[in-house]
Amino acid sequence: MNEPIRILLVDDHPMVREGLRARLSGVPRLEVVGEAGDAAEALRRLDETDPHVVLQDVGLKESNGIDLVQAMLARRPALCVLMFSMYDNPEYVHRALQAGARGYVLKETPASEVVAAIEAVVAGGTFLSPAVSRRLFRSQTVRPMLTPRESQILSALGRGESSKQIAKALALSVRTVEAHRQSIKRKLGLEGQAELIKYAVEHAREAP
């Protein structure tokens, strides 16, 4: 997109929000348009600021961050939600992606990674911090019904890569990658993007 990427920060710690704003303010293509400290305020600010991306903590005082993801997407289905957490617990990651989040970034990550995550989800992909990916992929395997190429693509999806990125890495056309994605969904009985990404995170592994 040509316009700046509009970002809403949601975290119940003011210092975390202040630090995030400072980390992102030096990036010309990004614009922090609002902040919120709880779920109710987040929903109000969502309507007021019309962001492209919400960067949100998993845990919020007196509310469940996963429930908030669902509430925001119910209002704005095209919204990109990135979880921003200090925990790399696979259960949190699974629940966040199942709720519709496009990615999961750890608070300890450098600003460059946060920016990369924002750009990835706006471009239509997903993003997981490398430390999160390592935990998720450590002992998981792909179902044998998939071809080696489909397994490669599923692993790449689990790492948060978009179809365009996968196509470039594997020297394929984007159309071919999309065809493989459709085949994977059909073979595994998955419906829609959210189910495909959730399965990729839960079951894919690095292809040899």
N, C-alpha and C. Protein backbone atom coordinates (compact mmCIF):
# COMPACT_ATOMS: atom_id res chain seq x y z
N MET A 1 0.83 -1.19 0.00
CA MET A 1 0.00 0.00 0.00
C MET A 1 0.87 1.24 0.00
N ASN A 2 0.36 2.32 -0.61
CA ASN A 2 1.12 3.55 -0.68
C ASN A 2 0.97 4.40 0.57
N GLU A 3 -0.19 4.35 1.20
CA GLU A 3 -0.40 5.13 2.41
C GLU A 3 0.33 4.49 3.58
N PRO A 4 0.62 5.28 4.65
CA PRO A 4 1.27 4.70 5.83
C PRO A 4 0.42 3.59 6.44
N ILE A 5 1.07 2.61 7.04
CA ILE A 5 0.37 1.54 7.74
C ILE A 5 -0.06 2.06 9.11
N ARG A 6 -1.36 2.08 9.35
CA ARG A 6 -1.91 2.63 10.58
C ARG A 6 -1.96 1.53 11.65
N ILE A 7 -1.41 1.84 12.84
CA ILE A 7 -1.23 0.83 13.88
C ILE A 7 -1.89 1.28 15.18
N LEU A 8 -2.62 0.36 15.79
CA LEU A 8 -3.21 0.57 17.12
C LEU A 8 -2.47 -0.34 18.10
N LEU A 9 -1.97 0.24 19.21
CA LEU A 9 -1.24 -0.51 20.23
C LEU A 9 -2.18 -0.84 21.38
N VAL A 10 -2.21 -2.12 21.78
CA VAL A 10 -3.09 -2.54 22.88
C VAL A 10 -2.25 -3.32 23.89
N ASP A 11 -2.03 -2.71 25.05
CA ASP A 11 -1.27 -3.35 26.13
C ASP A 11 -1.66 -2.66 27.43
N ASP A 12 -1.79 -3.41 28.51
CA ASP A 12 -2.23 -2.80 29.76
C ASP A 12 -1.09 -2.15 30.54
N HIS A 13 0.11 -2.15 29.99
CA HIS A 13 1.24 -1.47 30.63
C HIS A 13 1.62 -0.24 29.81
N PRO A 14 1.39 0.96 30.35
CA PRO A 14 1.71 2.20 29.62
C PRO A 14 3.16 2.26 29.13
N MET A 15 4.09 1.74 29.94
CA MET A 15 5.50 1.81 29.55
C MET A 15 5.78 0.94 28.33
N VAL A 16 5.06 -0.18 28.22
CA VAL A 16 5.24 -1.04 27.05
C VAL A 16 4.74 -0.30 25.80
N ARG A 17 3.57 0.33 25.93
CA ARG A 17 3.04 1.08 24.79
C ARG A 17 3.96 2.23 24.41
N GLU A 18 4.50 2.91 25.42
CA GLU A 18 5.41 4.03 25.16
C GLU A 18 6.66 3.54 24.44
N GLY A 19 7.18 2.38 24.88
CA GLY A 19 8.37 1.83 24.24
C GLY A 19 8.09 1.40 22.80
N LEU A 20 6.92 0.82 22.59
CA LEU A 20 6.55 0.41 21.23
C LEU A 20 6.41 1.62 20.31
N ARG A 21 5.74 2.63 20.81
CA ARG A 21 5.57 3.84 20.00
C ARG A 21 6.93 4.42 19.62
N ALA A 22 7.86 4.44 20.59
CA ALA A 22 9.19 4.98 20.33
C ALA A 22 9.93 4.14 19.30
N ARG A 23 9.77 2.80 19.37
CA ARG A 23 10.47 1.91 18.45
C ARG A 23 9.94 2.04 17.02
N LEU A 24 8.65 2.35 16.90
CA LEU A 24 8.03 2.40 15.58
C LEU A 24 8.00 3.80 14.97
N SER A 25 8.19 4.81 15.81
CA SER A 25 8.04 6.19 15.33
C SER A 25 9.09 6.59 14.31
N GLY A 26 10.23 5.92 14.33
CA GLY A 26 11.29 6.27 13.39
C GLY A 26 11.17 5.60 12.03
N VAL A 27 10.10 4.83 11.84
CA VAL A 27 9.89 4.15 10.55
C VAL A 27 8.86 4.94 9.75
N PRO A 28 9.29 5.62 8.68
CA PRO A 28 8.39 6.54 7.95
C PRO A 28 7.10 5.90 7.46
N ARG A 29 7.13 4.62 7.06
CA ARG A 29 5.94 4.00 6.47
C ARG A 29 4.94 3.53 7.51
N LEU A 30 5.27 3.68 8.80
CA LEU A 30 4.37 3.26 9.87
C LEU A 30 3.84 4.48 10.62
N GLU A 31 2.60 4.38 11.07
CA GLU A 31 1.98 5.47 11.83
C GLU A 31 1.17 4.88 12.99
N VAL A 32 1.60 5.15 14.22
CA VAL A 32 0.84 4.73 15.39
C VAL A 32 -0.31 5.72 15.59
N VAL A 33 -1.53 5.23 15.40
CA VAL A 33 -2.69 6.13 15.41
C VAL A 33 -3.47 6.08 16.72
N GLY A 34 -3.10 5.18 17.62
CA GLY A 34 -3.82 5.11 18.89
C GLY A 34 -3.26 4.06 19.82
N GLU A 35 -3.69 4.16 21.09
CA GLU A 35 -3.29 3.21 22.11
C GLU A 35 -4.50 2.84 22.96
N ALA A 36 -4.43 1.67 23.59
CA ALA A 36 -5.50 1.25 24.50
C ALA A 36 -4.89 0.36 25.57
N GLY A 37 -5.48 0.42 26.78
CA GLY A 37 -4.96 -0.37 27.88
C GLY A 37 -5.84 -1.52 28.29
N ASP A 38 -7.05 -1.61 27.73
CA ASP A 38 -7.94 -2.73 28.05
C ASP A 38 -8.85 -3.00 26.85
N ALA A 39 -9.67 -4.04 26.97
CA ALA A 39 -10.49 -4.48 25.84
C ALA A 39 -11.52 -3.44 25.43
N ALA A 40 -12.21 -2.87 26.41
CA ALA A 40 -13.26 -1.89 26.09
C ALA A 40 -12.67 -0.68 25.37
N GLU A 41 -11.54 -0.19 25.89
CA GLU A 41 -10.89 0.96 25.25
C GLU A 41 -10.38 0.58 23.87
N ALA A 42 -9.89 -0.65 23.71
CA ALA A 42 -9.38 -1.09 22.42
C ALA A 42 -10.48 -1.07 21.36
N LEU A 43 -11.67 -1.53 21.73
CA LEU A 43 -12.78 -1.54 20.78
C LEU A 43 -13.22 -0.12 20.42
N ARG A 44 -13.19 0.77 21.39
CA ARG A 44 -13.52 2.18 21.09
C ARG A 44 -12.48 2.79 20.15
N ARG A 45 -11.22 2.56 20.47
CA ARG A 45 -10.16 3.14 19.66
C ARG A 45 -10.13 2.51 18.26
N LEU A 46 -10.53 1.26 18.17
CA LEU A 46 -10.61 0.60 16.87
C LEU A 46 -11.56 1.35 15.95
N ASP A 47 -12.70 1.73 16.46
CA ASP A 47 -13.68 2.47 15.66
C ASP A 47 -13.22 3.89 15.36
N GLU A 48 -12.51 4.49 16.31
CA GLU A 48 -12.09 5.89 16.16
C GLU A 48 -10.91 6.06 15.20
N THR A 49 -9.99 5.10 15.20
CA THR A 49 -8.72 5.29 14.47
C THR A 49 -8.62 4.53 13.16
N ASP A 50 -9.49 3.53 12.96
CA ASP A 50 -9.51 2.75 11.71
C ASP A 50 -8.11 2.25 11.33
N PRO A 51 -7.47 1.44 12.19
CA PRO A 51 -6.11 0.97 11.89
C PRO A 51 -6.09 -0.16 10.87
N HIS A 52 -4.92 -0.34 10.26
CA HIS A 52 -4.70 -1.51 9.42
C HIS A 52 -4.25 -2.70 10.27
N VAL A 53 -3.46 -2.40 11.32
CA VAL A 53 -2.87 -3.44 12.16
C VAL A 53 -3.11 -3.10 13.63
N VAL A 54 -3.45 -4.13 14.42
CA VAL A 54 -3.48 -4.01 15.87
C VAL A 54 -2.35 -4.85 16.43
N LEU A 55 -1.48 -4.22 17.21
CA LEU A 55 -0.38 -4.91 17.88
C LEU A 55 -0.80 -5.06 19.33
N GLN A 56 -1.11 -6.29 19.75
CA GLN A 56 -1.82 -6.50 21.01
C GLN A 56 -1.19 -7.57 21.89
N ASP A 57 -1.17 -7.29 23.18
CA ASP A 57 -0.68 -8.26 24.15
C ASP A 57 -1.69 -9.41 24.30
N VAL A 58 -1.19 -10.59 24.63
CA VAL A 58 -2.06 -11.75 24.84
C VAL A 58 -2.85 -11.60 26.14
N GLY A 59 -2.18 -11.12 27.19
CA GLY A 59 -2.83 -10.98 28.49
C GLY A 59 -3.17 -9.54 28.80
N LEU A 60 -4.44 -9.27 29.08
CA LEU A 60 -4.89 -7.93 29.45
C LEU A 60 -5.63 -8.01 30.78
N LYS A 61 -5.54 -6.98 31.58
CA LYS A 61 -6.23 -6.98 32.88
C LYS A 61 -7.74 -7.07 32.68
N GLU A 62 -8.35 -7.95 33.44
CA GLU A 62 -9.80 -8.10 33.47
C GLU A 62 -10.40 -8.51 32.13
N SER A 63 -9.59 -9.05 31.25
CA SER A 63 -10.11 -9.51 29.96
C SER A 63 -9.16 -10.52 29.34
N ASN A 64 -9.66 -11.25 28.39
CA ASN A 64 -8.87 -12.26 27.69
C ASN A 64 -8.47 -11.72 26.32
N GLY A 65 -7.16 -11.68 26.07
CA GLY A 65 -6.69 -11.13 24.81
C GLY A 65 -7.18 -11.90 23.60
N ILE A 66 -7.36 -13.21 23.74
CA ILE A 66 -7.84 -14.03 22.63
C ILE A 66 -9.29 -13.65 22.29
N ASP A 67 -10.10 -13.46 23.33
CA ASP A 67 -11.49 -13.04 23.10
C ASP A 67 -11.55 -11.68 22.41
N LEU A 68 -10.60 -10.80 22.77
CA LEU A 68 -10.57 -9.48 22.16
C LEU A 68 -10.26 -9.58 20.67
N VAL A 69 -9.36 -10.49 20.29
CA VAL A 69 -9.06 -10.69 18.88
C VAL A 69 -10.34 -11.02 18.11
N GLN A 70 -11.12 -11.94 18.64
CA GLN A 70 -12.36 -12.35 17.99
C GLN A 70 -13.34 -11.19 17.91
N ALA A 71 -13.43 -10.39 18.98
CA ALA A 71 -14.35 -9.26 18.99
C ALA A 71 -13.96 -8.21 17.96
N MET A 72 -12.66 -7.94 17.82
CA MET A 72 -12.20 -6.95 16.85
C MET A 72 -12.44 -7.43 15.42
N LEU A 73 -12.16 -8.71 15.17
CA LEU A 73 -12.34 -9.23 13.82
C LEU A 73 -13.82 -9.35 13.45
N ALA A 74 -14.68 -9.51 14.45
CA ALA A 74 -16.12 -9.53 14.18
C ALA A 74 -16.56 -8.17 13.66
N ARG A 75 -15.92 -7.11 14.15
CA ARG A 75 -16.25 -5.75 13.69
C ARG A 75 -15.56 -5.43 12.37
N ARG A 76 -14.31 -5.89 12.24
CA ARG A 76 -13.52 -5.54 11.06
C ARG A 76 -12.78 -6.79 10.57
N PRO A 77 -13.42 -7.60 9.74
CA PRO A 77 -12.83 -8.87 9.30
C PRO A 77 -11.49 -8.73 8.58
N ALA A 78 -11.25 -7.59 7.93
CA ALA A 78 -10.00 -7.42 7.19
C ALA A 78 -8.85 -6.94 8.07
N LEU A 79 -9.11 -6.71 9.34
CA LEU A 79 -8.09 -6.20 10.26
C LEU A 79 -6.97 -7.22 10.44
N CYS A 80 -5.73 -6.73 10.53
CA CYS A 80 -4.58 -7.60 10.81
C CYS A 80 -4.23 -7.47 12.29
N VAL A 81 -4.33 -8.57 13.02
CA VAL A 81 -3.99 -8.56 14.44
C VAL A 81 -2.69 -9.32 14.66
N LEU A 82 -1.73 -8.65 15.29
CA LEU A 82 -0.46 -9.26 15.66
C LEU A 82 -0.39 -9.36 17.18
N MET A 83 -0.18 -10.56 17.69
CA MET A 83 -0.02 -10.72 19.13
C MET A 83 1.41 -10.32 19.50
N PHE A 84 1.53 -9.63 20.64
CA PHE A 84 2.82 -9.13 21.11
C PHE A 84 2.95 -9.57 22.56
N SER A 85 3.78 -10.58 22.82
CA SER A 85 3.77 -11.23 24.12
C SER A 85 5.17 -11.56 24.61
N MET A 86 5.30 -11.71 25.92
CA MET A 86 6.56 -12.16 26.49
C MET A 86 6.62 -13.69 26.60
N TYR A 87 5.50 -14.35 26.28
CA TYR A 87 5.41 -15.81 26.41
C TYR A 87 5.44 -16.49 25.05
N ASP A 88 6.26 -17.55 24.92
CA ASP A 88 6.29 -18.32 23.68
C ASP A 88 5.58 -19.66 23.83
N ASN A 89 4.66 -19.75 24.79
CA ASN A 89 3.90 -20.97 25.03
C ASN A 89 3.12 -21.37 23.78
N PRO A 90 3.35 -22.58 23.25
CA PRO A 90 2.64 -22.99 22.03
C PRO A 90 1.12 -22.90 22.15
N GLU A 91 0.60 -23.16 23.35
CA GLU A 91 -0.85 -23.11 23.52
C GLU A 91 -1.38 -21.70 23.26
N TYR A 92 -0.66 -20.68 23.74
CA TYR A 92 -1.06 -19.30 23.47
C TYR A 92 -1.04 -19.01 21.97
N VAL A 93 0.01 -19.50 21.31
CA VAL A 93 0.14 -19.25 19.88
C VAL A 93 -1.00 -19.93 19.12
N HIS A 94 -1.27 -21.17 19.43
CA HIS A 94 -2.34 -21.90 18.76
C HIS A 94 -3.68 -21.19 18.94
N ARG A 95 -3.97 -20.78 20.16
CA ARG A 95 -5.25 -20.14 20.43
C ARG A 95 -5.36 -18.80 19.72
N ALA A 96 -4.25 -18.06 19.67
CA ALA A 96 -4.27 -16.76 19.00
C ALA A 96 -4.53 -16.92 17.50
N LEU A 97 -3.85 -17.87 16.87
CA LEU A 97 -4.05 -18.09 15.43
C LEU A 97 -5.44 -18.63 15.15
N GLN A 98 -5.93 -19.49 16.02
CA GLN A 98 -7.28 -20.02 15.84
C GLN A 98 -8.31 -18.89 15.93
N ALA A 99 -8.04 -17.91 16.79
CA ALA A 99 -8.96 -16.77 16.94
C ALA A 99 -8.91 -15.83 15.75
N GLY A 100 -7.86 -15.95 14.91
CA GLY A 100 -7.77 -15.11 13.72
C GLY A 100 -6.57 -14.19 13.67
N ALA A 101 -5.69 -14.24 14.68
CA ALA A 101 -4.48 -13.42 14.65
C ALA A 101 -3.60 -13.84 13.48
N ARG A 102 -2.91 -12.86 12.89
CA ARG A 102 -2.06 -13.14 11.72
C ARG A 102 -0.61 -13.45 12.11
N GLY A 103 -0.27 -13.23 13.38
CA GLY A 103 1.11 -13.49 13.78
C GLY A 103 1.29 -13.39 15.27
N TYR A 104 2.51 -13.75 15.72
CA TYR A 104 2.82 -13.79 17.14
C TYR A 104 4.27 -13.36 17.30
N VAL A 105 4.48 -12.21 17.94
CA VAL A 105 5.82 -11.63 18.08
C VAL A 105 6.16 -11.52 19.56
N LEU A 106 7.38 -11.90 19.92
CA LEU A 106 7.81 -11.80 21.31
C LEU A 106 8.29 -10.38 21.62
N LYS A 107 8.03 -9.96 22.86
CA LYS A 107 8.38 -8.60 23.26
C LYS A 107 9.89 -8.36 23.28
N GLU A 108 10.65 -9.42 23.37
CA GLU A 108 12.11 -9.27 23.42
C GLU A 108 12.72 -9.08 22.03
N THR A 109 11.91 -9.17 20.99
CA THR A 109 12.45 -9.07 19.63
C THR A 109 12.88 -7.65 19.30
N PRO A 110 13.85 -7.48 18.41
CA PRO A 110 14.29 -6.14 18.02
C PRO A 110 13.22 -5.43 17.18
N ALA A 111 13.34 -4.12 17.11
CA ALA A 111 12.36 -3.32 16.37
C ALA A 111 12.27 -3.75 14.92
N SER A 112 13.39 -4.14 14.33
CA SER A 112 13.37 -4.54 12.92
C SER A 112 12.46 -5.74 12.69
N GLU A 113 12.40 -6.65 13.66
CA GLU A 113 11.54 -7.83 13.53
C GLU A 113 10.07 -7.45 13.68
N VAL A 114 9.79 -6.52 14.58
CA VAL A 114 8.41 -6.05 14.75
C VAL A 114 7.93 -5.40 13.45
N VAL A 115 8.79 -4.59 12.84
CA VAL A 115 8.45 -3.94 11.57
C VAL A 115 8.23 -4.99 10.49
N ALA A 116 9.09 -6.01 10.44
CA ALA A 116 8.95 -7.08 9.45
C ALA A 116 7.63 -7.82 9.64
N ALA A 117 7.24 -8.03 10.89
CA ALA A 117 5.98 -8.71 11.18
C ALA A 117 4.79 -7.89 10.69
N ILE A 118 4.83 -6.60 10.95
CA ILE A 118 3.75 -5.71 10.52
C ILE A 118 3.63 -5.72 9.00
N GLU A 119 4.76 -5.59 8.32
CA GLU A 119 4.73 -5.57 6.86
C GLU A 119 4.26 -6.91 6.29
N ALA A 120 4.64 -8.02 6.93
CA ALA A 120 4.25 -9.35 6.45
C ALA A 120 2.74 -9.54 6.51
N VAL A 121 2.12 -9.15 7.62
CA VAL A 121 0.68 -9.39 7.75
C VAL A 121 -0.11 -8.44 6.84
N VAL A 122 0.37 -7.22 6.67
CA VAL A 122 -0.31 -6.29 5.78
C VAL A 122 -0.24 -6.78 4.33
N ALA A 123 0.86 -7.47 3.99
CA ALA A 123 1.02 -8.02 2.65
C ALA A 123 0.22 -9.30 2.43
N GLY A 124 -0.47 -9.76 3.48
CA GLY A 124 -1.29 -10.95 3.33
C GLY A 124 -0.69 -12.22 3.90
N GLY A 125 0.50 -12.12 4.49
CA GLY A 125 1.13 -13.29 5.07
C GLY A 125 0.89 -13.40 6.57
N THR A 126 1.66 -14.25 7.20
CA THR A 126 1.65 -14.38 8.64
C THR A 126 3.08 -14.25 9.14
N PHE A 127 3.24 -14.15 10.47
CA PHE A 127 4.59 -13.97 11.00
C PHE A 127 4.67 -14.56 12.39
N LEU A 128 5.71 -15.37 12.62
CA LEU A 128 6.01 -15.89 13.94
C LEU A 128 7.45 -15.55 14.27
N SER A 129 7.70 -15.08 15.48
CA SER A 129 9.08 -14.85 15.90
C SER A 129 9.86 -16.16 15.78
N PRO A 130 11.12 -16.12 15.39
CA PRO A 130 11.90 -17.35 15.23
C PRO A 130 11.88 -18.25 16.46
N ALA A 131 11.95 -17.67 17.65
CA ALA A 131 11.93 -18.48 18.87
C ALA A 131 10.61 -19.23 19.01
N VAL A 132 9.53 -18.60 18.60
CA VAL A 132 8.22 -19.25 18.64
C VAL A 132 8.18 -20.39 17.63
N SER A 133 8.66 -20.14 16.42
CA SER A 133 8.68 -21.17 15.38
C SER A 133 9.48 -22.39 15.82
N ARG A 134 10.62 -22.16 16.47
CA ARG A 134 11.46 -23.28 16.90
C ARG A 134 10.72 -24.17 17.89
N ARG A 135 9.99 -23.56 18.81
CA ARG A 135 9.23 -24.36 19.79
C ARG A 135 8.12 -25.14 19.11
N LEU A 136 7.45 -24.51 18.18
CA LEU A 136 6.32 -25.16 17.53
C LEU A 136 6.72 -26.30 16.60
N PHE A 137 7.86 -26.15 15.94
CA PHE A 137 8.27 -27.12 14.93
C PHE A 137 9.20 -28.21 15.46
N ARG A 138 9.55 -28.13 16.74
CA ARG A 138 10.58 -29.02 17.29
C ARG A 138 10.28 -30.50 17.07
N SER A 139 9.03 -30.90 17.31
CA SER A 139 8.72 -32.33 17.23
C SER A 139 7.49 -32.64 16.38
N GLN A 140 7.15 -31.72 15.49
CA GLN A 140 5.93 -31.90 14.71
C GLN A 140 6.26 -32.45 13.33
N THR A 141 5.33 -33.19 12.75
CA THR A 141 5.55 -33.80 11.45
C THR A 141 4.38 -33.53 10.54
N VAL A 142 4.62 -33.64 9.25
CA VAL A 142 3.59 -33.45 8.23
C VAL A 142 2.90 -34.78 7.94
N ARG A 143 1.63 -34.78 7.71
CA ARG A 143 0.93 -36.00 7.34
C ARG A 143 1.50 -36.55 6.02
N PRO A 144 1.69 -37.87 5.94
CA PRO A 144 2.36 -38.45 4.76
C PRO A 144 1.58 -38.31 3.46
N MET A 145 0.28 -37.95 3.51
CA MET A 145 -0.48 -37.84 2.28
C MET A 145 -0.05 -36.64 1.43
N LEU A 146 0.69 -35.72 2.01
CA LEU A 146 1.14 -34.56 1.26
C LEU A 146 2.39 -34.91 0.44
N THR A 147 2.52 -34.29 -0.73
CA THR A 147 3.72 -34.47 -1.53
C THR A 147 4.87 -33.69 -0.89
N PRO A 148 6.13 -33.99 -1.25
CA PRO A 148 7.25 -33.23 -0.71
C PRO A 148 7.11 -31.73 -0.95
N ARG A 149 6.64 -31.34 -2.13
CA ARG A 149 6.47 -29.92 -2.42
C ARG A 149 5.40 -29.30 -1.53
N GLU A 150 4.30 -30.03 -1.35
CA GLU A 150 3.24 -29.52 -0.47
C GLU A 150 3.73 -29.40 0.97
N SER A 151 4.56 -30.34 1.39
CA SER A 151 5.12 -30.28 2.73
C SER A 151 6.03 -29.06 2.89
N GLN A 152 6.82 -28.76 1.85
CA GLN A 152 7.66 -27.56 1.87
C GLN A 152 6.81 -26.31 2.03
N ILE A 153 5.75 -26.24 1.26
CA ILE A 153 4.90 -25.05 1.28
C ILE A 153 4.17 -24.94 2.62
N LEU A 154 3.71 -26.07 3.16
CA LEU A 154 3.05 -26.04 4.46
C LEU A 154 4.01 -25.55 5.54
N SER A 155 5.25 -26.01 5.50
CA SER A 155 6.25 -25.56 6.46
C SER A 155 6.49 -24.06 6.34
N ALA A 156 6.57 -23.58 5.10
CA ALA A 156 6.78 -22.15 4.87
C ALA A 156 5.61 -21.33 5.39
N LEU A 157 4.39 -21.83 5.19
CA LEU A 157 3.21 -21.14 5.73
C LEU A 157 3.27 -21.08 7.24
N GLY A 158 3.72 -22.15 7.86
CA GLY A 158 3.84 -22.17 9.31
C GLY A 158 4.88 -21.20 9.83
N ARG A 159 5.87 -20.86 8.99
CA ARG A 159 6.87 -19.87 9.37
C ARG A 159 6.40 -18.45 9.10
N GLY A 160 5.20 -18.32 8.53
CA GLY A 160 4.66 -17.00 8.31
C GLY A 160 4.93 -16.40 6.96
N GLU A 161 5.38 -17.20 5.99
CA GLU A 161 5.70 -16.67 4.67
C GLU A 161 4.45 -16.55 3.81
N SER A 162 4.39 -15.51 3.00
CA SER A 162 3.28 -15.31 2.08
C SER A 162 3.49 -16.16 0.82
N SER A 163 2.45 -16.27 0.00
CA SER A 163 2.58 -17.03 -1.25
C SER A 163 3.66 -16.44 -2.14
N LYS A 164 3.77 -15.13 -2.16
CA LYS A 164 4.79 -14.47 -2.99
C LYS A 164 6.18 -14.83 -2.51
N GLN A 165 6.39 -14.83 -1.20
CA GLN A 165 7.70 -15.18 -0.64
C GLN A 165 8.04 -16.64 -0.93
N ILE A 166 7.05 -17.52 -0.78
CA ILE A 166 7.26 -18.94 -1.03
C ILE A 166 7.61 -19.16 -2.51
N ALA A 167 6.87 -18.49 -3.38
CA ALA A 167 7.12 -18.64 -4.81
C ALA A 167 8.56 -18.24 -5.17
N LYS A 168 9.02 -17.15 -4.60
CA LYS A 168 10.38 -16.68 -4.88
C LYS A 168 11.41 -17.67 -4.36
N ALA A 169 11.20 -18.17 -3.13
CA ALA A 169 12.17 -19.09 -2.51
C ALA A 169 12.24 -20.43 -3.25
N LEU A 170 11.12 -20.90 -3.78
CA LEU A 170 11.08 -22.20 -4.43
C LEU A 170 11.12 -22.12 -5.96
N ALA A 171 11.29 -20.90 -6.48
CA ALA A 171 11.34 -20.70 -7.94
C ALA A 171 10.07 -21.19 -8.61
N LEU A 172 8.93 -20.83 -8.04
CA LEU A 172 7.63 -21.18 -8.59
C LEU A 172 6.86 -19.90 -8.89
N SER A 173 5.78 -20.03 -9.63
CA SER A 173 4.90 -18.89 -9.81
C SER A 173 3.96 -18.80 -8.61
N VAL A 174 3.45 -17.61 -8.35
CA VAL A 174 2.50 -17.43 -7.25
C VAL A 174 1.26 -18.29 -7.49
N ARG A 175 0.86 -18.38 -8.75
CA ARG A 175 -0.32 -19.19 -9.09
C ARG A 175 -0.11 -20.65 -8.72
N THR A 176 1.12 -21.16 -8.95
CA THR A 176 1.42 -22.55 -8.60
C THR A 176 1.37 -22.76 -7.10
N VAL A 177 1.92 -21.81 -6.35
CA VAL A 177 1.88 -21.91 -4.89
C VAL A 177 0.43 -21.90 -4.40
N GLU A 178 -0.39 -21.04 -4.97
CA GLU A 178 -1.80 -20.99 -4.57
C GLU A 178 -2.50 -22.30 -4.90
N ALA A 179 -2.14 -22.92 -6.01
CA ALA A 179 -2.73 -24.21 -6.37
C ALA A 179 -2.33 -25.28 -5.36
N HIS A 180 -1.07 -25.26 -4.93
CA HIS A 180 -0.62 -26.20 -3.90
C HIS A 180 -1.37 -25.96 -2.58
N ARG A 181 -1.59 -24.70 -2.25
CA ARG A 181 -2.33 -24.39 -1.02
C ARG A 181 -3.74 -24.96 -1.07
N GLN A 182 -4.38 -24.82 -2.20
CA GLN A 182 -5.72 -25.38 -2.36
C GLN A 182 -5.70 -26.90 -2.23
N SER A 183 -4.68 -27.53 -2.80
CA SER A 183 -4.55 -28.97 -2.73
C SER A 183 -4.33 -29.43 -1.29
N ILE A 184 -3.50 -28.69 -0.55
CA ILE A 184 -3.25 -29.03 0.86
C ILE A 184 -4.55 -28.96 1.66
N LYS A 185 -5.30 -27.88 1.46
CA LYS A 185 -6.57 -27.74 2.17
C LYS A 185 -7.53 -28.87 1.83
N ARG A 186 -7.58 -29.22 0.57
CA ARG A 186 -8.49 -30.28 0.14
C ARG A 186 -8.09 -31.63 0.75
N LYS A 187 -6.80 -31.96 0.71
CA LYS A 187 -6.34 -33.24 1.24
C LYS A 187 -6.54 -33.35 2.75
N LEU A 188 -6.37 -32.23 3.46
CA LEU A 188 -6.45 -32.25 4.91
C LEU A 188 -7.83 -31.88 5.44
N GLY A 189 -8.76 -31.61 4.52
CA GLY A 189 -10.11 -31.29 4.95
C GLY A 189 -10.21 -29.97 5.69
N LEU A 190 -9.42 -28.99 5.27
CA LEU A 190 -9.40 -27.69 5.94
C LEU A 190 -10.24 -26.69 5.16
N GLU A 191 -10.86 -25.77 5.88
CA GLU A 191 -11.69 -24.75 5.25
C GLU A 191 -11.16 -23.37 5.59
N GLY A 192 -10.73 -22.65 4.58
CA GLY A 192 -10.32 -21.26 4.77
C GLY A 192 -8.89 -21.09 5.23
N GLN A 193 -8.45 -19.82 5.15
CA GLN A 193 -7.07 -19.45 5.47
C GLN A 193 -6.73 -19.73 6.93
N ALA A 194 -7.64 -19.40 7.85
CA ALA A 194 -7.35 -19.55 9.28
C ALA A 194 -7.05 -21.00 9.64
N GLU A 195 -7.85 -21.93 9.11
CA GLU A 195 -7.63 -23.34 9.42
C GLU A 195 -6.32 -23.84 8.82
N LEU A 196 -6.00 -23.38 7.62
CA LEU A 196 -4.75 -23.80 6.98
C LEU A 196 -3.54 -23.34 7.80
N ILE A 197 -3.54 -22.07 8.21
CA ILE A 197 -2.42 -21.53 8.98
C ILE A 197 -2.33 -22.23 10.34
N LYS A 198 -3.45 -22.45 10.98
CA LYS A 198 -3.45 -23.15 12.28
C LYS A 198 -2.85 -24.53 12.13
N TYR A 199 -3.26 -25.27 11.09
CA TYR A 199 -2.70 -26.60 10.88
C TYR A 199 -1.21 -26.53 10.60
N ALA A 200 -0.79 -25.54 9.80
CA ALA A 200 0.63 -25.40 9.47
C ALA A 200 1.46 -25.20 10.72
N VAL A 201 0.97 -24.34 11.63
CA VAL A 201 1.69 -24.06 12.86
C VAL A 201 1.75 -25.30 13.76
N GLU A 202 0.66 -26.05 13.79
CA GLU A 202 0.58 -27.19 14.70
C GLU A 202 1.32 -28.44 14.19
N HIS A 203 1.38 -28.62 12.84
CA HIS A 203 1.86 -29.90 12.32
C HIS A 203 3.04 -29.83 11.37
N ALA A 204 3.33 -28.67 10.81
CA ALA A 204 4.42 -28.62 9.83
C ALA A 204 5.76 -28.68 10.50
N ARG A 205 6.77 -29.01 9.70
CA ARG A 205 8.16 -28.99 10.17
C ARG A 205 9.03 -28.51 9.03
N GLU A 206 10.26 -28.20 9.35
CA GLU A 206 11.20 -27.78 8.31
C GLU A 206 11.36 -28.89 7.29
N ALA A 207 11.15 -28.56 6.01
CA ALA A 207 11.37 -29.57 4.98
C ALA A 207 12.85 -29.80 4.78
N PRO A 208 13.26 -31.02 4.46
CA PRO A 208 14.69 -31.30 4.25
C PRO A 208 15.23 -30.58 3.03
